[in-house]
């Protein structure tokens, strides 16, 4: 089975830090925050095997850009697949304006 290297961009790391902080500090639920963070991190690491199992966005321009999406609880992990590397670009809250955020970040 082909294995990919999983790379995480600075934007995705900042997203993860922000979601952790929001849950831990704003919602005052540090245990829940760590659990959510770990579930997303584990899902991201699982992309080393068969990352194609999660589909492309169906809308444009994300589809043309080759951006895949993986849902983890209420969050959306956005990534692209290269021949040997899966690059996680964003980790976004599912109820946010995903398309606007992606448009602003990846013009």
Protein backbone atom coordinates (compact mmCIF):
# COMPACT_ATOMS: atom_id res chain seq x y z
CA UNK A 1 0.00 0.00 0.00
CA UNK A 2 1.30 3.43 -0.95
CA UNK A 3 2.14 5.70 1.98
CA UNK A 4 2.10 9.49 1.76
CA UNK A 5 3.96 12.06 3.79
CA UNK A 6 1.42 14.26 5.59
CA UNK A 7 2.39 17.95 5.70
CA UNK A 8 0.46 20.61 7.59
CA UNK A 9 0.58 24.26 6.54
CA UNK A 10 0.98 27.17 8.93
CA UNK A 11 -2.66 28.12 8.24
CA UNK A 12 -3.87 24.66 9.29
CA UNK A 13 -1.70 24.75 12.43
CA UNK A 14 -3.10 28.18 13.29
CA UNK A 15 -6.63 26.83 12.74
CA UNK A 16 -5.94 23.95 15.12
CA UNK A 17 -4.52 26.30 17.75
CA UNK A 18 -7.52 28.64 17.40
CA UNK A 19 -10.06 25.84 17.78
CA UNK A 20 -8.24 24.50 20.83
CA UNK A 21 -8.14 27.95 22.42
CA UNK A 22 -11.78 28.69 21.62
CA UNK A 23 -13.02 25.48 23.23
CA UNK A 24 -10.60 25.57 26.19
CA UNK A 25 -10.82 29.28 27.04
CA UNK A 26 -14.01 30.74 25.56
CA UNK A 27 -16.17 27.69 26.24
CA UNK A 28 -14.18 26.85 29.41
CA UNK A 29 -13.90 23.17 28.45
CA UNK A 30 -10.18 22.28 28.37
CA UNK A 31 -10.79 18.51 28.46
CA UNK A 32 -13.18 18.74 25.52
CA UNK A 33 -10.69 20.95 23.72
CA UNK A 34 -7.88 18.42 23.98
CA UNK A 35 -10.20 15.60 22.89
CA UNK A 36 -11.36 17.53 19.83
CA UNK A 37 -7.80 18.51 18.95
CA UNK A 38 -6.64 14.89 19.23
CA UNK A 39 -9.51 13.55 17.09
CA UNK A 40 -8.68 15.98 14.31
CA UNK A 41 -4.93 15.32 14.59
CA UNK A 42 -5.48 11.55 14.40
CA UNK A 43 -7.73 11.95 11.36
CA UNK A 44 -5.11 14.11 9.66
CA UNK A 45 -2.39 11.54 10.31
CA UNK A 46 -4.63 8.81 8.85
CA UNK A 47 -4.31 10.56 5.48
CA UNK A 48 -0.95 8.84 5.03
CA UNK A 49 -2.94 5.89 3.67
CA UNK A 50 -5.50 6.22 0.89
CA UNK A 51 -6.21 9.96 1.15
CA UNK A 52 -8.41 9.69 -1.95
CA UNK A 53 -11.12 8.09 0.22
CA UNK A 54 -12.41 11.59 0.91
CA UNK A 55 -13.85 13.39 -2.07
CA UNK A 56 -13.10 16.65 -3.75
CA UNK A 57 -15.24 19.70 -3.15
CA UNK A 58 -18.11 19.69 -5.64
CA UNK A 59 -18.09 23.47 -6.10
CA UNK A 60 -15.64 25.67 -7.94
CA UNK A 61 -12.92 26.81 -7.73
CA UNK A 62 -12.07 24.32 -4.95
CA UNK A 63 -12.73 21.32 -7.20
CA UNK A 64 -10.44 22.62 -9.96
CA UNK A 65 -7.77 23.30 -7.33
CA UNK A 66 -7.92 19.62 -6.30
CA UNK A 67 -8.99 20.36 -2.72
CA UNK A 68 -10.33 17.35 -0.84
CA UNK A 69 -12.46 17.61 2.28
CA UNK A 70 -12.62 15.36 5.32
CA UNK A 71 -15.28 15.91 7.99
CA UNK A 72 -14.20 15.37 11.60
CA UNK A 73 -17.04 16.07 14.01
CA UNK A 74 -18.02 19.70 13.28
CA UNK A 75 -14.79 20.54 11.45
CA UNK A 76 -13.66 20.28 7.86
CA UNK A 77 -10.08 19.34 7.02
CA UNK A 78 -9.11 20.66 3.58
CA UNK A 79 -6.15 19.11 1.78
CA UNK A 80 -4.51 18.46 -1.58
CA UNK A 81 -2.80 15.31 -2.76
CA UNK A 82 0.50 15.38 -4.63
CA UNK A 83 2.32 12.28 -5.87
CA UNK A 84 3.99 11.64 -2.49
CA UNK A 85 2.64 14.29 -0.12
CA UNK A 86 -0.76 15.11 1.34
CA UNK A 87 -0.80 18.78 2.33
CA UNK A 88 -3.39 19.84 4.89
CA UNK A 89 -4.20 23.45 4.06
CA UNK A 90 -7.02 24.36 6.45
CA UNK A 91 -9.03 23.08 9.40
CA UNK A 92 -12.30 25.02 9.45
CA UNK A 93 -15.44 25.03 11.54
CA UNK A 94 -18.19 23.45 9.46
CA UNK A 95 -20.75 26.17 10.20
CA UNK A 96 -18.41 28.95 9.04
CA UNK A 97 -18.34 30.36 5.52
CA UNK A 98 -15.95 27.71 4.18
CA UNK A 99 -15.91 28.93 0.59
CA UNK A 100 -15.23 32.54 1.56
CA UNK A 101 -12.38 31.53 3.86
CA UNK A 102 -10.81 29.33 1.19
CA UNK A 103 -11.23 32.09 -1.39
CA UNK A 104 -9.46 34.60 0.87
CA UNK A 105 -6.64 32.22 1.76
CA UNK A 106 -5.99 30.58 -1.60
CA UNK A 107 -6.50 33.15 -4.34
